[in-house]
Amino acid sequence: MKPSLNHYIIGVAVVWAIILCAAWFINNGVRFKTFAQVCGGFAIGMLAMYLAMHVYR
């Protein structure tokens, strides 16, 4: 069975949640802003990929 794009998005969201929680608790929030900005940029890119997949089948 080939994994769908929805599985990929859910997996990436779970991994980013783990990374952000680790950045918050391990470093006491010192580097959290940097990780959150990278996560936000990645989320914008994933949204663009998701829309492009459905618009340009």
Protein backbone atom coordinates (compact mmCIF):
# COMPACT_ATOMS: atom_id res chain seq x y z
CA MET A 1 0.00 0.00 0.00
CA LYS A 2 1.37 3.37 -1.03
CA PRO A 3 1.16 6.01 1.72
CA SER A 4 -0.93 9.03 0.79
CA LEU A 5 -0.09 12.68 1.16
CA ASN A 6 -2.32 12.86 4.23
CA HIS A 7 -0.15 10.24 5.98
CA TYR A 8 2.94 12.27 5.13
CA ILE A 9 1.43 15.49 6.50
CA ILE A 10 0.31 13.83 9.73
CA GLY A 11 3.74 12.26 10.19
CA VAL A 12 5.52 15.57 9.63
CA ALA A 13 3.18 17.34 12.07
CA VAL A 14 3.89 14.73 14.75
CA VAL A 15 7.65 15.02 14.25
CA TRP A 16 7.52 18.84 14.41
CA ALA A 17 5.42 18.64 17.59
CA ILE A 18 8.09 16.43 19.17
CA ILE A 19 10.88 18.77 18.03
CA LEU A 20 9.09 21.86 19.35
CA CYS A 21 8.32 20.20 22.69
CA ALA A 22 11.95 19.14 23.02
CA ALA A 23 13.15 22.66 22.17
CA TRP A 24 10.80 24.11 24.78
CA PHE A 25 11.52 21.72 27.65
CA ILE A 26 15.20 20.85 27.12
CA ASN A 27 16.50 24.36 26.43
CA ASN A 28 13.93 26.15 28.64
CA GLY A 29 12.50 27.92 25.60
CA VAL A 30 15.79 29.63 24.65
CA ARG A 31 15.91 28.31 21.07
CA PHE A 32 12.17 27.70 20.75
CA LYS A 33 11.58 30.80 18.61
CA THR A 34 14.14 29.64 16.04
CA PHE A 35 12.60 26.18 15.80
CA ALA A 36 9.09 27.66 15.63
CA GLN A 37 10.08 29.91 12.72
CA VAL A 38 11.57 26.99 10.81
CA CYS A 39 8.45 24.95 11.52
CA GLY A 40 6.24 27.80 10.26
CA GLY A 41 8.20 28.05 7.02
CA PHE A 42 8.01 24.31 6.57
CA ALA A 43 4.25 24.40 7.19
CA ILE A 44 3.79 27.08 4.52
CA GLY A 45 5.75 24.92 2.07
CA MET A 46 3.66 21.86 2.94
CA LEU A 47 0.45 23.84 2.42
CA ALA A 48 1.69 24.97 -1.00
CA MET A 49 2.58 21.37 -1.90
CA TYR A 50 -0.83 20.13 -0.75
CA LEU A 51 -2.69 22.79 -2.77
CA ALA A 52 -0.53 22.21 -5.85
CA MET A 53 -1.19 18.48 -5.70
CA HIS A 54 -4.95 19.01 -5.68
CA VAL A 55 -5.01 21.86 -8.23
CA TYR A 56 -2.53 20.40 -10.76
CA ARG A 57 -3.45 16.72 -10.71
